[in-house]
C-alpha atoms as a PDB file:
ATOM      1  CA  UNK A   1       0.772 -15.934 -16.852  1.00  0.00           C
ATOM      2  CA  UNK A   2       0.384 -12.164 -15.763  1.00  0.00           C
ATOM      3  CA  UNK A   3       0.712  -8.937 -17.680  1.00  0.00           C
ATOM      4  CA  UNK A   4       3.899  -7.224 -18.039  1.00  0.00           C
ATOM      5  CA  UNK A   5       2.596  -4.575 -16.566  1.00  0.00           C
ATOM      6  CA  UNK A   6       1.294  -6.542 -13.459  1.00  0.00           C
ATOM      7  CA  UNK A   7       4.949  -8.138 -13.704  1.00  0.00           C
ATOM      8  CA  UNK A   8       6.624  -4.883 -13.316  1.00  0.00           C
ATOM      9  CA  UNK A   9       4.161  -3.820 -10.532  1.00  0.00           C
ATOM     10  CA  UNK A  10       4.881  -6.715  -8.327  1.00  0.00           C
ATOM     11  CA  UNK A  11       8.323  -6.527  -8.899  1.00  0.00           C
ATOM     12  CA  UNK A  12       8.257  -3.266  -7.504  1.00  0.00           C
ATOM     13  CA  UNK A  13       6.612  -4.028  -4.268  1.00  0.00           C
ATOM     14  CA  UNK A  14       8.147  -7.037  -3.685  1.00  0.00           C
ATOM     15  CA  UNK A  15      11.334  -6.160  -3.396  1.00  0.00           C
ATOM     16  CA  UNK A  16      13.563  -7.394  -0.945  1.00  0.00           C
ATOM     17  CA  UNK A  17      15.372  -4.273  -0.007  1.00  0.00           C
ATOM     18  CA  UNK A  18      13.053  -2.681   1.811  1.00  0.00           C
ATOM     19  CA  UNK A  19      14.431   0.925   0.966  1.00  0.00           C
ATOM     20  CA  UNK A  20      13.978  -0.031  -2.421  1.00  0.00           C
ATOM     21  CA  UNK A  21      10.380  -0.698  -2.476  1.00  0.00           C
ATOM     22  CA  UNK A  22       8.095   2.293  -3.274  1.00  0.00           C
ATOM     23  CA  UNK A  23       6.112   3.903  -0.840  1.00  0.00           C
ATOM     24  CA  UNK A  24       2.132   4.983  -1.733  1.00  0.00           C
ATOM     25  CA  UNK A  25       2.285   8.069  -3.040  1.00  0.00           C
ATOM     26  CA  UNK A  26       5.466   6.594  -5.918  1.00  0.00           C
ATOM     27  CA  UNK A  27       2.578   3.846  -6.165  1.00  0.00           C
ATOM     28  CA  UNK A  28       0.078   6.329  -7.338  1.00  0.00           C
ATOM     29  CA  UNK A  29       1.910   8.344  -9.270  1.00  0.00           C
ATOM     30  CA  UNK A  30       3.357   5.227 -11.700  1.00  0.00           C
ATOM     31  CA  UNK A  31       2.405   5.294 -14.728  1.00  0.00           C
ATOM     32  CA  UNK A  32       1.031   1.515 -15.097  1.00  0.00           C
ATOM     33  CA  UNK A  33      -1.297   2.103 -11.957  1.00  0.00           C
ATOM     34  CA  UNK A  34      -2.390   5.951 -13.325  1.00  0.00           C
ATOM     35  CA  UNK A  35      -3.711   4.507 -16.871  1.00  0.00           C
ATOM     36  CA  UNK A  36      -5.865   2.309 -15.153  1.00  0.00           C
ATOM     37  CA  UNK A  37      -7.329   4.438 -12.854  1.00  0.00           C
ATOM     38  CA  UNK A  38     -10.854   5.754 -13.125  1.00  0.00           C
ATOM     39  CA  UNK A  39     -10.747   9.487 -12.499  1.00  0.00           C
ATOM     40  CA  UNK A  40     -14.670   9.773 -13.194  1.00  0.00           C
ATOM     41  CA  UNK A  41     -15.103   8.542  -9.553  1.00  0.00           C
ATOM     42  CA  UNK A  42     -14.948  11.636  -6.894  1.00  0.00           C
ATOM     43  CA  UNK A  43     -11.980  10.077  -5.097  1.00  0.00           C
ATOM     44  CA  UNK A  44      -8.857  12.076  -4.378  1.00  0.00           C
ATOM     45  CA  UNK A  45      -6.399  10.235  -6.297  1.00  0.00           C
ATOM     46  CA  UNK A  46      -2.244  10.740  -6.564  1.00  0.00           C
ATOM     47  CA  UNK A  47       0.990  12.433  -5.625  1.00  0.00           C
ATOM     48  CA  UNK A  48      -1.039  14.280  -2.587  1.00  0.00           C
ATOM     49  CA  UNK A  49      -3.447  11.329  -1.611  1.00  0.00           C
ATOM     50  CA  UNK A  50      -3.063  11.283   2.239  1.00  0.00           C
ATOM     51  CA  UNK A  51      -3.551   7.518   2.513  1.00  0.00           C
ATOM     52  CA  UNK A  52      -2.358   7.010   6.149  1.00  0.00           C
ATOM     53  CA  UNK A  53      -4.161   9.805   7.592  1.00  0.00           C
ATOM     54  CA  UNK A  54      -6.745   7.317   8.616  1.00  0.00           C
ATOM     55  CA  UNK A  55      -4.875   5.041  10.415  1.00  0.00           C
ATOM     56  CA  UNK A  56      -4.971   5.762  14.023  1.00  0.00           C
ATOM     57  CA  UNK A  57      -2.151   4.885  16.793  1.00  0.00           C
ATOM     58  CA  UNK A  58      -2.049   5.126  20.746  1.00  0.00           C
ATOM     59  CA  UNK A  59      -0.330   7.557  22.209  1.00  0.00           C
ATOM     60  CA  UNK A  60       1.561   5.364  24.615  1.00  0.00           C
ATOM     61  CA  UNK A  61       3.270   2.745  21.341  1.00  0.00           C
ATOM     62  CA  UNK A  62       3.372  -0.031  24.292  1.00  0.00           C
ATOM     63  CA  UNK A  63      -0.273  -0.650  24.152  1.00  0.00           C
ATOM     64  CA  UNK A  64      -0.109  -1.278  20.384  1.00  0.00           C
ATOM     65  CA  UNK A  65      -0.716  -4.767  20.581  1.00  0.00           C
ATOM     66  CA  UNK A  66      -3.560  -3.880  22.360  1.00  0.00           C
ATOM     67  CA  UNK A  67      -5.650  -2.183  19.093  1.00  0.00           C
ATOM     68  CA  UNK A  68      -4.156  -4.565  16.672  1.00  0.00           C
ATOM     69  CA  UNK A  69      -5.930  -8.042  16.079  1.00  0.00           C
ATOM     70  CA  UNK A  70      -4.950 -11.151  17.336  1.00  0.00           C
ATOM     71  CA  UNK A  71      -2.868 -12.913  15.377  1.00  0.00           C
ATOM     72  CA  UNK A  72      -4.306 -16.572  13.662  1.00  0.00           C
ATOM     73  CA  UNK A  73      -2.192 -19.914  13.902  1.00  0.00           C
ATOM     74  CA  UNK A  74      -3.036 -22.171  11.276  1.00  0.00           C
ATOM     75  CA  UNK A  75      -3.045 -25.525  11.130  1.00  0.00           C
ATOM     76  CA  UNK A  76      -2.445 -27.739   8.200  1.00  0.00           C
END
Protein backbone atom coordinates (compact mmCIF):
# COMPACT_ATOMS: atom_id res chain seq x y z
CA UNK A 1 0.00 0.00 0.00
CA UNK A 2 1.32 3.43 -0.91
CA UNK A 3 1.00 6.65 1.04
CA UNK A 4 -1.82 9.04 0.20
CA UNK A 5 0.75 11.60 -0.97
CA UNK A 6 2.38 9.19 -3.40
CA UNK A 7 -1.03 8.15 -4.69
CA UNK A 8 -1.92 11.81 -5.34
CA UNK A 9 1.32 12.45 -7.25
CA UNK A 10 0.93 9.27 -9.29
CA UNK A 11 -2.66 10.22 -10.05
CA UNK A 12 -1.47 13.55 -11.45
CA UNK A 13 1.31 11.96 -13.51
CA UNK A 14 -0.79 9.13 -14.90
CA UNK A 15 -3.77 11.22 -15.92
CA UNK A 16 -5.38 9.74 -19.05
CA UNK A 17 -5.84 13.16 -20.65
CA UNK A 18 -2.36 14.49 -21.60
CA UNK A 19 -3.50 18.11 -21.35
CA UNK A 20 -4.34 17.55 -17.67
CA UNK A 21 -0.90 16.13 -16.80
CA UNK A 22 1.46 18.53 -15.00
CA UNK A 23 4.65 19.75 -16.65
CA UNK A 24 8.06 19.48 -14.93
CA UNK A 25 7.79 22.91 -13.32
CA UNK A 26 4.35 22.13 -11.89
CA UNK A 27 5.60 18.87 -10.42
CA UNK A 28 8.60 20.57 -8.82
CA UNK A 29 6.35 23.27 -7.35
CA UNK A 30 3.87 20.76 -5.90
CA UNK A 31 3.72 21.05 -2.09
CA UNK A 32 4.08 17.26 -1.68
CA UNK A 33 7.32 17.27 -3.68
CA UNK A 34 8.65 20.50 -2.14
CA UNK A 35 8.40 19.21 1.41
CA UNK A 36 10.49 16.14 0.51
CA UNK A 37 13.26 17.94 -1.38
CA UNK A 38 16.66 18.31 0.23
CA UNK A 39 17.42 22.00 -0.21
CA UNK A 40 20.81 21.59 1.47
CA UNK A 41 22.19 20.11 -1.74
CA UNK A 42 23.59 22.55 -4.26
CA UNK A 43 21.06 21.78 -7.02
CA UNK A 44 18.87 24.23 -8.91
CA UNK A 45 15.39 23.17 -7.74
CA UNK A 46 12.11 24.91 -8.14
CA UNK A 47 9.83 26.45 -10.66
CA UNK A 48 12.65 28.08 -12.61
CA UNK A 49 14.60 24.83 -13.20
CA UNK A 50 15.50 24.33 -16.85
CA UNK A 51 15.27 20.53 -16.92
CA UNK A 52 14.84 20.17 -20.65
CA UNK A 53 17.82 22.31 -21.69
CA UNK A 54 20.03 19.22 -21.61
CA UNK A 55 18.11 17.47 -24.38
CA UNK A 56 19.80 17.96 -27.74
CA UNK A 57 17.65 17.55 -30.83
CA UNK A 58 18.95 17.24 -34.40
CA UNK A 59 18.38 20.22 -36.65
CA UNK A 60 16.56 18.01 -39.13
CA UNK A 61 13.74 16.29 -37.22
CA UNK A 62 13.66 13.55 -39.87
CA UNK A 63 16.92 12.32 -38.31
CA UNK A 64 15.46 11.96 -34.81
CA UNK A 65 15.22 8.15 -35.09
CA UNK A 66 18.96 7.99 -35.79
CA UNK A 67 19.64 9.73 -32.46
CA UNK A 68 17.25 7.68 -30.31
CA UNK A 69 18.19 4.31 -28.81
CA UNK A 70 16.93 1.27 -30.66
CA UNK A 71 13.80 -0.36 -29.29
CA UNK A 72 14.15 -3.63 -27.44
CA UNK A 73 11.68 -6.38 -28.14
CA UNK A 74 10.96 -8.56 -25.17
CA UNK A 75 9.70 -12.07 -25.59
CA UNK A 76 7.94 -13.97 -22.84
